[in-house]
Amino acid sequence: MRNVSNAFLLTLLTALYWIFDIIWWLVIVWVVISWILFFSSQTSFRWKHRTAWGILNQLNDIFSAMTYPVLKPFRRILPPHKTAGVDWSPMLLLLAIMLVRTFLGYLVGPILLR
């Protein structure tokens, strides 16, 4: 019975880690794309390379739509208009993912090692 519950717990923990990894990388890619889009809009890149600009805009829209649901609670905690226009929600989300993964590792690790 213990091996079955340990196997289930390990499977559940692995699935949670995968979900956290997917969210982690979606947020990282979205932040990098939004920075590239912002800084390229400050130069003549957007007029010289309209196709690349359009692709970057579409990618930004796609990743924004994927990350918005998980970032929304953090934006309620620390809205950008109260932090001089800086959106700290991606950093807060990544910090929360790191803390939850560490907590789960410490909580479930000793159980799995028995």
PDB file of N, CA and C in Angstrom:
ATOM      1  N   MET A   1       0.820  -1.190   0.000  1.00  0.00           N
ATOM      2  CA  MET A   1       0.000   0.000   0.000  1.00  0.00           C
ATOM      3  C   MET A   1       0.869   1.262   0.000  1.00  0.00           C
ATOM      4  N   ARG A   2       1.967   1.222   0.734  1.00  0.00           N
ATOM      5  CA  ARG A   2       2.842   2.388   0.817  1.00  0.00           C
ATOM      6  C   ARG A   2       3.482   2.688  -0.534  1.00  0.00           C
ATOM      7  N   ASN A   3       3.852   1.641  -1.292  1.00  0.00           N
ATOM      8  CA  ASN A   3       4.467   1.870  -2.598  1.00  0.00           C
ATOM      9  C   ASN A   3       3.486   2.500  -3.577  1.00  0.00           C
ATOM     10  N   VAL A   4       2.208   2.099  -3.468  1.00  0.00           N
ATOM     11  CA  VAL A   4       1.191   2.671  -4.357  1.00  0.00           C
ATOM     12  C   VAL A   4       0.981   4.136  -4.031  1.00  0.00           C
ATOM     13  N   SER A   5       0.888   4.467  -2.749  1.00  0.00           N
ATOM     14  CA  SER A   5       0.682   5.868  -2.380  1.00  0.00           C
ATOM     15  C   SER A   5       1.915   6.707  -2.695  1.00  0.00           C
ATOM     16  N   ASN A   6       3.102   6.138  -2.513  1.00  0.00           N
ATOM     17  CA  ASN A   6       4.320   6.868  -2.879  1.00  0.00           C
ATOM     18  C   ASN A   6       4.394   7.091  -4.392  1.00  0.00           C
ATOM     19  N   ALA A   7       3.991   6.098  -5.168  1.00  0.00           N
ATOM     20  CA  ALA A   7       4.009   6.240  -6.621  1.00  0.00           C
ATOM     21  C   ALA A   7       3.008   7.306  -7.061  1.00  0.00           C
ATOM     22  N   PHE A   8       1.818   7.310  -6.424  1.00  0.00           N
ATOM     23  CA  PHE A   8       0.825   8.328  -6.754  1.00  0.00           C
ATOM     24  C   PHE A   8       1.331   9.716  -6.382  1.00  0.00           C
ATOM     25  N   LEU A   9       1.931   9.828  -5.200  1.00  0.00           N
ATOM     26  CA  LEU A   9       2.460  11.112  -4.743  1.00  0.00           C
ATOM     27  C   LEU A   9       3.580  11.601  -5.654  1.00  0.00           C
ATOM     28  N   LEU A  10       4.441  10.697  -6.057  1.00  0.00           N
ATOM     29  CA  LEU A  10       5.527  11.056  -6.963  1.00  0.00           C
ATOM     30  C   LEU A  10       4.988  11.512  -8.319  1.00  0.00           C
ATOM     31  N   THR A  11       3.975  10.811  -8.815  1.00  0.00           N
ATOM     32  CA  THR A  11       3.360  11.194 -10.090  1.00  0.00           C
ATOM     33  C   THR A  11       2.699  12.562  -9.989  1.00  0.00           C
ATOM     34  N   LEU A  12       1.985  12.791  -8.895  1.00  0.00           N
ATOM     35  CA  LEU A  12       1.339  14.080  -8.681  1.00  0.00           C
ATOM     36  C   LEU A  12       2.362  15.207  -8.571  1.00  0.00           C
ATOM     37  N   LEU A  13       3.429  14.968  -7.835  1.00  0.00           N
ATOM     38  CA  LEU A  13       4.473  15.978  -7.684  1.00  0.00           C
ATOM     39  C   LEU A  13       5.167  16.264  -9.017  1.00  0.00           C
ATOM     40  N   THR A  14       5.411  15.226  -9.785  1.00  0.00           N
ATOM     41  CA  THR A  14       6.033  15.404 -11.093  1.00  0.00           C
ATOM     42  C   THR A  14       5.124  16.214 -12.012  1.00  0.00           C
ATOM     43  N   ALA A  15       3.823  15.933 -11.984  1.00  0.00           N
ATOM     44  CA  ALA A  15       2.874  16.690 -12.811  1.00  0.00           C
ATOM     45  C   ALA A  15       2.845  18.152 -12.381  1.00  0.00           C
ATOM     46  N   LEU A  16       2.853  18.416 -11.076  1.00  0.00           N
ATOM     47  CA  LEU A  16       2.877  19.802 -10.592  1.00  0.00           C
ATOM     48  C   LEU A  16       4.157  20.511 -11.025  1.00  0.00           C
ATOM     49  N   TYR A  17       5.281  19.816 -10.936  1.00  0.00           N
ATOM     50  CA  TYR A  17       6.541  20.420 -11.368  1.00  0.00           C
ATOM     51  C   TYR A  17       6.509  20.754 -12.855  1.00  0.00           C
ATOM     52  N   TRP A  18       5.924  19.864 -13.667  1.00  0.00           N
ATOM     53  CA  TRP A  18       5.812  20.121 -15.098  1.00  0.00           C
ATOM     54  C   TRP A  18       4.939  21.344 -15.361  1.00  0.00           C
ATOM     55  N   ILE A  19       3.814  21.437 -14.645  1.00  0.00           N
ATOM     56  CA  ILE A  19       2.924  22.584 -14.809  1.00  0.00           C
ATOM     57  C   ILE A  19       3.644  23.874 -14.412  1.00  0.00           C
ATOM     58  N   PHE A  20       4.359  23.825 -13.291  1.00  0.00           N
ATOM     59  CA  PHE A  20       5.113  25.004 -12.854  1.00  0.00           C
ATOM     60  C   PHE A  20       6.200  25.361 -13.864  1.00  0.00           C
ATOM     61  N   ASP A  21       6.862  24.361 -14.443  1.00  0.00           N
ATOM     62  CA  ASP A  21       7.891  24.634 -15.453  1.00  0.00           C
ATOM     63  C   ASP A  21       7.298  25.284 -16.699  1.00  0.00           C
ATOM     64  N   ILE A  22       6.150  24.791 -17.123  1.00  0.00           N
ATOM     65  CA  ILE A  22       5.504  25.368 -18.308  1.00  0.00           C
ATOM     66  C   ILE A  22       5.123  26.825 -18.048  1.00  0.00           C
ATOM     67  N   ILE A  23       4.517  27.076 -16.891  1.00  0.00           N
ATOM     68  CA  ILE A  23       4.148  28.458 -16.547  1.00  0.00           C
ATOM     69  C   ILE A  23       5.396  29.323 -16.448  1.00  0.00           C
ATOM     70  N   TRP A  24       6.448  28.800 -15.814  1.00  0.00           N
ATOM     71  CA  TRP A  24       7.714  29.525 -15.659  1.00  0.00           C
ATOM     72  C   TRP A  24       8.240  29.983 -17.014  1.00  0.00           C
ATOM     73  N   TRP A  25       8.338  29.036 -17.973  1.00  0.00           N
ATOM     74  CA  TRP A  25       8.922  29.378 -19.265  1.00  0.00           C
ATOM     75  C   TRP A  25       7.999  30.254 -20.102  1.00  0.00           C
ATOM     76  N   LEU A  26       6.686  30.076 -19.968  1.00  0.00           N
ATOM     77  CA  LEU A  26       5.764  30.982 -20.664  1.00  0.00           C
ATOM     78  C   LEU A  26       5.960  32.420 -20.198  1.00  0.00           C
ATOM     79  N   VAL A  27       6.097  32.606 -18.905  1.00  0.00           N
ATOM     80  CA  VAL A  27       6.288  33.954 -18.359  1.00  0.00           C
ATOM     81  C   VAL A  27       7.631  34.531 -18.808  1.00  0.00           C
ATOM     82  N   ILE A  28       8.686  33.732 -18.735  1.00  0.00           N
ATOM     83  CA  ILE A  28      10.018  34.207 -19.152  1.00  0.00           C
ATOM     84  C   ILE A  28       9.996  34.627 -20.623  1.00  0.00           C
ATOM     85  N   VAL A  29       9.431  33.784 -21.485  1.00  0.00           N
ATOM     86  CA  VAL A  29       9.399  34.101 -22.917  1.00  0.00           C
ATOM     87  C   VAL A  29       8.547  35.345 -23.165  1.00  0.00           C
ATOM     88  N   TRP A  30       7.410  35.460 -22.469  1.00  0.00           N
ATOM     89  CA  TRP A  30       6.559  36.639 -22.645  1.00  0.00           C
ATOM     90  C   TRP A  30       7.284  37.919 -22.219  1.00  0.00           C
ATOM     91  N   VAL A  31       7.993  37.869 -21.105  1.00  0.00           N
ATOM     92  CA  VAL A  31       8.721  39.049 -20.628  1.00  0.00           C
ATOM     93  C   VAL A  31       9.802  39.454 -21.632  1.00  0.00           C
ATOM     94  N   VAL A  32      10.545  38.492 -22.131  1.00  0.00           N
ATOM     95  CA  VAL A  32      11.612  38.800 -23.093  1.00  0.00           C
ATOM     96  C   VAL A  32      11.017  39.377 -24.377  1.00  0.00           C
ATOM     97  N   ILE A  33       9.931  38.771 -24.875  1.00  0.00           N
ATOM     98  CA  ILE A  33       9.292  39.284 -26.099  1.00  0.00           C
ATOM     99  C   ILE A  33       8.760  40.701 -25.871  1.00  0.00           C
ATOM    100  N   SER A  34       8.163  40.933 -24.708  1.00  0.00           N
ATOM    101  CA  SER A  34       7.630  42.280 -24.456  1.00  0.00           C
ATOM    102  C   SER A  34       8.757  43.308 -24.340  1.00  0.00           C
ATOM    103  N   TRP A  35       9.898  42.911 -23.778  1.00  0.00           N
ATOM    104  CA  TRP A  35      11.035  43.835 -23.731  1.00  0.00           C
ATOM    105  C   TRP A  35      11.559  44.120 -25.128  1.00  0.00           C
ATOM    106  N   ILE A  36      11.702  43.082 -25.937  1.00  0.00           N
ATOM    107  CA  ILE A  36      12.174  43.277 -27.313  1.00  0.00           C
ATOM    108  C   ILE A  36      11.211  44.183 -28.063  1.00  0.00           C
ATOM    109  N   LEU A  37       9.926  43.939 -27.886  1.00  0.00           N
ATOM    110  CA  LEU A  37       8.916  44.753 -28.556  1.00  0.00           C
ATOM    111  C   LEU A  37       8.985  46.204 -28.088  1.00  0.00           C
ATOM    112  N   PHE A  38       9.138  46.411 -26.791  1.00  0.00           N
ATOM    113  CA  PHE A  38       9.214  47.776 -26.272  1.00  0.00           C
ATOM    114  C   PHE A  38      10.442  48.503 -26.797  1.00  0.00           C
ATOM    115  N   PHE A  39      11.618  47.873 -26.692  1.00  0.00           N
ATOM    116  CA  PHE A  39      12.839  48.558 -27.100  1.00  0.00           C
ATOM    117  C   PHE A  39      12.931  48.720 -28.613  1.00  0.00           C
ATOM    118  N   SER A  40      12.366  47.779 -29.354  1.00  0.00           N
ATOM    119  CA  SER A  40      12.389  47.953 -30.807  1.00  0.00           C
ATOM    120  C   SER A  40      11.394  49.019 -31.259  1.00  0.00           C
ATOM    121  N   SER A  41      10.376  49.283 -30.441  1.00  0.00           N
ATOM    122  CA  SER A  41       9.442  50.359 -30.802  1.00  0.00           C
ATOM    123  C   SER A  41      10.069  51.730 -30.580  1.00  0.00           C
ATOM    124  N   GLN A  42      11.142  51.812 -29.824  1.00  0.00           N
ATOM    125  CA  GLN A  42      11.822  53.069 -29.569  1.00  0.00           C
ATOM    126  C   GLN A  42      12.822  53.422 -30.670  1.00  0.00           C
ATOM    127  N   THR A  43      13.029  52.491 -31.604  1.00  0.00           N
ATOM    128  CA  THR A  43      13.969  52.728 -32.706  1.00  0.00           C
ATOM    129  C   THR A  43      13.199  52.676 -34.026  1.00  0.00           C
ATOM    130  N   SER A  44      13.933  52.677 -35.114  1.00  0.00           N
ATOM    131  CA  SER A  44      13.291  52.607 -36.431  1.00  0.00           C
ATOM    132  C   SER A  44      13.055  51.164 -36.869  1.00  0.00           C
ATOM    133  N   PHE A  45      13.300  50.205 -35.984  1.00  0.00           N
ATOM    134  CA  PHE A  45      13.128  48.793 -36.323  1.00  0.00           C
ATOM    135  C   PHE A  45      11.725  48.502 -36.838  1.00  0.00           C
ATOM    136  N   ARG A  46      10.731  49.120 -36.203  1.00  0.00           N
ATOM    137  CA  ARG A  46       9.348  48.798 -36.540  1.00  0.00           C
ATOM    138  C   ARG A  46       8.975  49.249 -37.947  1.00  0.00           C
ATOM    139  N   TRP A  47       9.621  50.282 -38.477  1.00  0.00           N
ATOM    140  CA  TRP A  47       9.327  50.722 -39.839  1.00  0.00           C
ATOM    141  C   TRP A  47      10.203  50.005 -40.862  1.00  0.00           C
ATOM    142  N   LYS A  48      11.411  49.663 -40.465  1.00  0.00           N
ATOM    143  CA  LYS A  48      12.316  48.994 -41.402  1.00  0.00           C
ATOM    144  C   LYS A  48      11.980  47.517 -41.569  1.00  0.00           C
ATOM    145  N   HIS A  49      11.486  46.897 -40.523  1.00  0.00           N
ATOM    146  CA  HIS A  49      11.214  45.454 -40.552  1.00  0.00           C
ATOM    147  C   HIS A  49       9.761  45.215 -40.127  1.00  0.00           C
ATOM    148  N   ARG A  50       8.847  45.591 -40.983  1.00  0.00           N
ATOM    149  CA  ARG A  50       7.420  45.502 -40.642  1.00  0.00           C
ATOM    150  C   ARG A  50       6.969  44.059 -40.413  1.00  0.00           C
ATOM    151  N   THR A  51       7.509  43.127 -41.168  1.00  0.00           N
ATOM    152  CA  THR A  51       7.107  41.730 -41.004  1.00  0.00           C
ATOM    153  C   THR A  51       7.552  41.199 -39.650  1.00  0.00           C
ATOM    154  N   ALA A  52       8.794  41.449 -39.292  1.00  0.00           N
ATOM    155  CA  ALA A  52       9.291  41.002 -37.985  1.00  0.00           C
ATOM    156  C   ALA A  52       8.536  41.691 -36.853  1.00  0.00           C
ATOM    157  N   TRP A  53       8.220  42.962 -37.033  1.00  0.00           N
ATOM    158  CA  TRP A  53       7.457  43.711 -36.031  1.00  0.00           C
ATOM    159  C   TRP A  53       6.068  43.089 -35.852  1.00  0.00           C
ATOM    160  N   GLY A  54       5.447  42.716 -36.971  1.00  0.00           N
ATOM    161  CA  GLY A  54       4.130  42.082 -36.913  1.00  0.00           C
ATOM    162  C   GLY A  54       4.169  40.735 -36.219  1.00  0.00           C
ATOM    163  N   ILE A  55       5.211  39.959 -36.501  1.00  0.00           N
ATOM    164  CA  ILE A  55       5.367  38.652 -35.849  1.00  0.00           C
ATOM    165  C   ILE A  55       5.586  38.836 -34.350  1.00  0.00           C
ATOM    166  N   LEU A  56       6.434  39.793 -33.976  1.00  0.00           N
ATOM    167  CA  LEU A  56       6.658  40.058 -32.552  1.00  0.00           C
ATOM    168  C   LEU A  56       5.371  40.495 -31.854  1.00  0.00           C
ATOM    169  N   ASN A  57       4.585  41.326 -32.524  1.00  0.00           N
ATOM    170  CA  ASN A  57       3.311  41.761 -31.957  1.00  0.00           C
ATOM    171  C   ASN A  57       2.361  40.590 -31.756  1.00  0.00           C
ATOM    172  N   GLN A  58       2.288  39.699 -32.741  1.00  0.00           N
ATOM    173  CA  GLN A  58       1.421  38.531 -32.627  1.00  0.00           C
ATOM    174  C   GLN A  58       1.896  37.594 -31.521  1.00  0.00           C
ATOM    175  N   LEU A  59       3.199  37.372 -31.445  1.00  0.00           N
ATOM    176  CA  LEU A  59       3.742  36.525 -30.373  1.00  0.00           C
ATOM    177  C   LEU A  59       3.462  37.135 -28.999  1.00  0.00           C
ATOM    178  N   ASN A  60       3.594  38.448 -28.911  1.00  0.00           N
ATOM    179  CA  ASN A  60       3.304  39.116 -27.649  1.00  0.00           C
ATOM    180  C   ASN A  60       1.830  38.939 -27.265  1.00  0.00           C
ATOM    181  N   ASP A  61       0.941  39.057 -28.245  1.00  0.00           N
ATOM    182  CA  ASP A  61      -0.481  38.860 -27.967  1.00  0.00           C
ATOM    183  C   ASP A  61      -0.768  37.425 -27.518  1.00  0.00           C
ATOM    184  N   ILE A  62      -0.147  36.459 -28.172  1.00  0.00           N
ATOM    185  CA  ILE A  62      -0.358  35.047 -27.822  1.00  0.00           C
ATOM    186  C   ILE A  62       0.134  34.766 -26.414  1.00  0.00           C
ATOM    187  N   PHE A  63       1.370  35.182 -26.111  1.00  0.00           N
ATOM    188  CA  PHE A  63       1.921  34.908 -24.784  1.00  0.00           C
ATOM    189  C   PHE A  63       1.228  35.728 -23.704  1.00  0.00           C
ATOM    190  N   SER A  64       0.760  36.918 -24.050  1.00  0.00           N
ATOM    191  CA  SER A  64      -0.014  37.701 -23.077  1.00  0.00           C
ATOM    192  C   SER A  64      -1.301  36.980 -22.720  1.00  0.00           C
ATOM    193  N   ALA A  65      -1.971  36.432 -23.727  1.00  0.00           N
ATOM    194  CA  ALA A  65      -3.217  35.707 -23.467  1.00  0.00           C
ATOM    195  C   ALA A  65      -2.974  34.447 -22.631  1.00  0.00           C
ATOM    196  N   MET A  66      -1.824  33.800 -22.830  1.00  0.00           N
ATOM    197  CA  MET A  66      -1.535  32.577 -22.062  1.00  0.00           C
ATOM    198  C   MET A  66      -1.119  32.880 -20.631  1.00  0.00           C
ATOM    199  N   THR A  67      -0.445  33.995 -20.417  1.00  0.00           N
ATOM    200  CA  THR A  67       0.052  34.289 -19.072  1.00  0.00           C
ATOM    201  C   THR A  67      -0.881  35.167 -18.256  1.00  0.00           C
ATOM    202  N   TYR A  68      -1.838  35.822 -18.903  1.00  0.00           N
ATOM    203  CA  TYR A  68      -2.723  36.746 -18.186  1.00  0.00           C
ATOM    204  C   TYR A  68      -3.476  36.087 -17.027  1.00  0.00           C
ATOM    205  N   PRO A  69      -4.059  34.887 -17.206  1.00  0.00           N
ATOM    206  CA  PRO A  69      -4.809  34.298 -16.088  1.00  0.00           C
ATOM    207  C   PRO A  69      -3.972  34.029 -14.840  1.00  0.00           C
ATOM    208  N   VAL A  70      -2.711  33.657 -15.006  1.00  0.00           N
ATOM    209  CA  VAL A  70      -1.882  33.380 -13.821  1.00  0.00           C
ATOM    210  C   VAL A  70      -1.261  34.648 -13.252  1.00  0.00           C
ATOM    211  N   LEU A  71      -1.146  35.691 -14.065  1.00  0.00           N
ATOM    212  CA  LEU A  71      -0.582  36.954 -13.579  1.00  0.00           C
ATOM    213  C   LEU A  71      -1.626  37.870 -12.955  1.00  0.00           C
ATOM    214  N   LYS A  72      -2.888  37.646 -13.280  1.00  0.00           N
ATOM    215  CA  LYS A  72      -3.950  38.537 -12.819  1.00  0.00           C
ATOM    216  C   LYS A  72      -4.007  38.685 -11.290  1.00  0.00           C
ATOM    217  N   PRO A  73      -3.923  37.589 -10.504  1.00  0.00           N
ATOM    218  CA  PRO A  73      -3.952  37.774  -9.044  1.00  0.00           C
ATOM    219  C   PRO A  73      -2.782  38.600  -8.518  1.00  0.00           C
ATOM    220  N   PHE A  74      -1.629  38.468  -9.142  1.00  0.00           N
ATOM    221  CA  PHE A  74      -0.458  39.229  -8.706  1.00  0.00           C
ATOM    222  C   PHE A  74      -0.562  40.698  -9.117  1.00  0.00           C
ATOM    223  N   ARG A  75      -1.256  40.955 -10.212  1.00  0.00           N
ATOM    224  CA  ARG A  75      -1.488  42.347 -10.615  1.00  0.00           C
ATOM    225  C   ARG A  75      -2.475  43.028  -9.678  1.00  0.00           C
ATOM    226  N   ARG A  76      -3.382  42.247  -9.082  1.00  0.00           N
ATOM    227  CA  ARG A  76      -4.289  42.825  -8.094  1.00  0.00           C
ATOM    228  C   ARG A  76      -3.539  43.182  -6.820  1.00  0.00           C
ATOM    229  N   ILE A  77      -2.550  42.368  -6.468  1.00  0.00           N
ATOM    230  CA  ILE A  77      -1.760  42.637  -5.259  1.00  0.00           C
ATOM    231  C   ILE A  77      -0.904  43.881  -5.440  1.00  0.00           C
ATOM    232  N   LEU A  78      -0.242  43.985  -6.587  1.00  0.00           N
ATOM    233  CA  LEU A  78       0.682  45.093  -6.842  1.00  0.00           C
ATOM    234  C   LEU A  78       0.411  45.657  -8.235  1.00  0.00           C
ATOM    235  N   PRO A  79      -0.592  46.539  -8.368  1.00  0.00           N
ATOM    236  CA  PRO A  79      -0.929  47.067  -9.696  1.00  0.00           C
ATOM    237  C   PRO A  79       0.179  47.952 -10.260  1.00  0.00           C
ATOM    238  N   PRO A  80       0.393  47.887 -11.591  1.00  0.00           N
ATOM    239  CA  PRO A  80       1.460  48.683 -12.208  1.00  0.00           C
ATOM    240  C   PRO A  80       1.305  50.193 -12.014  1.00  0.00           C
ATOM    241  N   HIS A  81       0.069  50.690 -11.920  1.00  0.00           N
ATOM    242  CA  HIS A  81      -0.092  52.140 -11.774  1.00  0.00           C
ATOM    243  C   HIS A  81       0.346  52.632 -10.389  1.00  0.00           C
ATOM    244  N   LYS A  82       0.545  51.722  -9.447  1.00  0.00           N
ATOM    245  CA  LYS A  82       1.026  52.124  -8.120  1.00  0.00           C
ATOM    246  C   LYS A  82       2.537  51.926  -7.965  1.00  0.00           C
ATOM    247  N   THR A  83       3.173  51.370  -8.971  1.00  0.00           N
ATOM    248  CA  THR A  83       4.614  51.128  -8.907  1.00  0.00           C
ATOM    249  C   THR A  83       5.336  51.835 -10.056  1.00  0.00           C
ATOM    250  N   ALA A  84       4.912  53.048 -10.352  1.00  0.00           N
ATOM    251  CA  ALA A  84       5.529  53.894 -11.380  1.00  0.00           C
ATOM    252  C   ALA A  84       5.496  53.244 -12.762  1.00  0.00           C
ATOM    253  N   GLY A  85       4.455  52.476 -13.038  1.00  0.00           N
ATOM    254  CA  GLY A  85       4.297  51.870 -14.355  1.00  0.00           C
ATOM    255  C   GLY A  85       5.053  50.574 -14.560  1.00  0.00           C
ATOM    256  N   VAL A  86       5.773  50.110 -13.565  1.00  0.00           N
ATOM    257  CA  VAL A  86       6.521  48.865 -13.689  1.00  0.00           C
ATOM    258  C   VAL A  86       5.620  47.717 -13.253  1.00  0.00           C
ATOM    259  N   ASP A  87       5.500  46.708 -14.106  1.00  0.00           N
ATOM    260  CA  ASP A  87       4.669  45.544 -13.803  1.00  0.00           C
ATOM    261  C   ASP A  87       5.535  44.492 -13.110  1.00  0.00           C
ATOM    262  N   TRP A  88       5.351  44.370 -11.803  1.00  0.00           N
ATOM    263  CA  TRP A  88       6.132  43.417 -11.019  1.00  0.00           C
ATOM    264  C   TRP A  88       5.473  42.041 -10.929  1.00  0.00           C
ATOM    265  N   SER A  89       4.318  41.870 -11.543  1.00  0.00           N
ATOM    266  CA  SER A  89       3.598  40.602 -11.413  1.00  0.00           C
ATOM    267  C   SER A  89       4.372  39.393 -11.955  1.00  0.00           C
ATOM    268  N   PRO A  90       5.122  39.490 -13.067  1.00  0.00           N
ATOM    269  CA  PRO A  90       5.897  38.320 -13.486  1.00  0.00           C
ATOM    270  C   PRO A  90       6.947  37.918 -12.447  1.00  0.00           C
ATOM    271  N   MET A  91       7.601  38.897 -11.847  1.00  0.00           N
ATOM    272  CA  MET A  91       8.609  38.594 -10.829  1.00  0.00           C
ATOM    273  C   MET A  91       7.957  37.955  -9.603  1.00  0.00           C
ATOM    274  N   LEU A  92       6.803  38.469  -9.196  1.00  0.00           N
ATOM    275  CA  LEU A  92       6.099  37.889  -8.048  1.00  0.00           C
ATOM    276  C   LEU A  92       5.646  36.463  -8.347  1.00  0.00           C
ATOM    277  N   LEU A  93       5.157  36.228  -9.572  1.00  0.00           N
ATOM    278  CA  LEU A  93       4.728  34.879  -9.945  1.00  0.00           C
ATOM    279  C   LEU A  93       5.904  33.907  -9.944  1.00  0.00           C
ATOM    280  N   LEU A  94       7.025  34.307 -10.518  1.00  0.00           N
ATOM    281  CA  LEU A  94       8.197  33.426 -10.545  1.00  0.00           C
ATOM    282  C   LEU A  94       8.704  33.152  -9.134  1.00  0.00           C
ATOM    283  N   LEU A  95       8.666  34.148  -8.270  1.00  0.00           N
ATOM    284  CA  LEU A  95       9.052  33.958  -6.877  1.00  0.00           C
ATOM    285  C   LEU A  95       8.098  32.994  -6.175  1.00  0.00           C
ATOM    286  N   ALA A  96       6.800  33.136  -6.427  1.00  0.00           N
ATOM    287  CA  ALA A  96       5.808  32.241  -5.819  1.00  0.00           C
ATOM    288  C   ALA A  96       5.997  30.809  -6.309  1.00  0.00           C
ATOM    289  N   ILE A  97       6.271  30.631  -7.604  1.00  0.00           N
ATOM    290  CA  ILE A  97       6.511  29.281  -8.137  1.00  0.00           C
ATOM    291  C   ILE A  97       7.734  28.669  -7.479  1.00  0.00           C
ATOM    292  N   MET A  98       8.796  29.470  -7.337  1.00  0.00           N
ATOM    293  CA  MET A  98      10.008  28.964  -6.695  1.00  0.00           C
ATOM    294  C   MET A  98       9.735  28.546  -5.251  1.00  0.00           C
ATOM    295  N   LEU A  99       8.991  29.367  -4.520  1.00  0.00           N
ATOM    296  CA  LEU A  99       8.686  29.051  -3.125  1.00  0.00           C
ATOM    297  C   LEU A  99       7.811  27.815  -3.001  1.00  0.00           C
ATOM    298  N   VAL A 100       6.805  27.687  -3.845  1.00  0.00           N
ATOM    299  CA  VAL A 100       5.927  26.513  -3.788  1.00  0.00           C
ATOM    300  C   VAL A 100       6.686  25.251  -4.149  1.00  0.00           C
ATOM    301  N   ARG A 101       7.532  25.320  -5.164  1.00  0.00           N
ATOM    302  CA  ARG A 101       8.325  24.132  -5.536  1.00  0.00           C
ATOM    303  C   ARG A 101       9.266  23.722  -4.412  1.00  0.00           C
ATOM    304  N   THR A 102       9.897  24.702  -3.777  1.00  0.00           N
ATOM    305  CA  THR A 102      10.795  24.401  -2.664  1.00  0.00           C
ATOM    306  C   THR A 102      10.022  23.815  -1.492  1.00  0.00           C
ATOM    307  N   PHE A 103       8.872  24.409  -1.180  1.00  0.00           N
ATOM    308  CA  PHE A 103       8.044  23.915  -0.081  1.00  0.00           C
ATOM    309  C   PHE A 103       7.567  22.489  -0.351  1.00  0.00           C
ATOM    310  N   LEU A 104       7.117  22.229  -1.581  1.00  0.00           N
ATOM    311  CA  LEU A 104       6.681  20.873  -1.918  1.00  0.00           C
ATOM    312  C   LEU A 104       7.826  19.882  -1.846  1.00  0.00           C
ATOM    313  N   GLY A 105       9.003  20.311  -2.261  1.00  0.00           N
ATOM    314  CA  GLY A 105      10.172  19.432  -2.176  1.00  0.00           C
ATOM    315  C   GLY A 105      10.505  19.066  -0.745  1.00  0.00           C
ATOM    316  N   TYR A 106      10.454  20.040   0.158  1.00  0.00           N
ATOM    317  CA  TYR A 106      10.734  19.767   1.568  1.00  0.00           C
ATOM    318  C   TYR A 106       9.615  18.973   2.233  1.00  0.00           C
ATOM    319  N   LEU A 107       8.399  19.191   1.798  1.00  0.00           N
ATOM    320  CA  LEU A 107       7.257  18.515   2.398  1.00  0.00           C
ATOM    321  C   LEU A 107       7.148  17.063   1.926  1.00  0.00           C
ATOM    322  N   VAL A 108       7.310  16.847   0.641  1.00  0.00           N
ATOM    323  CA  VAL A 108       7.077  15.527   0.074  1.00  0.00           C
ATOM    324  C   VAL A 108       8.362  14.703  -0.002  1.00  0.00           C
ATOM    325  N   GLY A 109       9.511  15.365  -0.061  1.00  0.00           N
ATOM    326  CA  GLY A 109      10.784  14.656  -0.180  1.00  0.00           C
ATOM    327  C   GLY A 109      11.007  13.591   0.886  1.00  0.00           C
ATOM    328  N   PRO A 110      10.869  13.916   2.174  1.00  0.00           N
ATOM    329  CA  PRO A 110      11.072  12.901   3.205  1.00  0.00           C
ATOM    330  C   PRO A 110      10.070  11.740   3.130  1.00  0.00           C
ATOM    331  N   ILE A 111       8.860  12.023   2.679  1.00  0.00           N
ATOM    332  CA  ILE A 111       7.859  10.958   2.559  1.00  0.00           C
ATOM    333  C   ILE A 111       8.259   9.977   1.466  1.00  0.00           C
ATOM    334  N   LEU A 112       8.796  10.491   0.363  1.00  0.00           N
ATOM    335  CA  LEU A 112       9.170   9.638  -0.746  1.00  0.00           C
ATOM    336  C   LEU A 112      10.446   8.845  -0.457  1.00  0.00           C
ATOM    337  N   LEU A 113      11.280   9.346   0.412  1.00  0.00           N
ATOM    338  CA  LEU A 113      12.549   8.667   0.712  1.00  0.00           C
ATOM    339  C   LEU A 113      12.385   7.519   1.696  1.00  0.00           C
ATOM    340  N   ARG A 114      11.236   7.409   2.332  1.00  0.00           N
ATOM    341  CA  ARG A 114      11.031   6.310   3.281  1.00  0.00           C
ATOM    342  C   ARG A 114      10.989   4.985   2.634  1.00  0.00           C
TER     343      ARG A 114
END
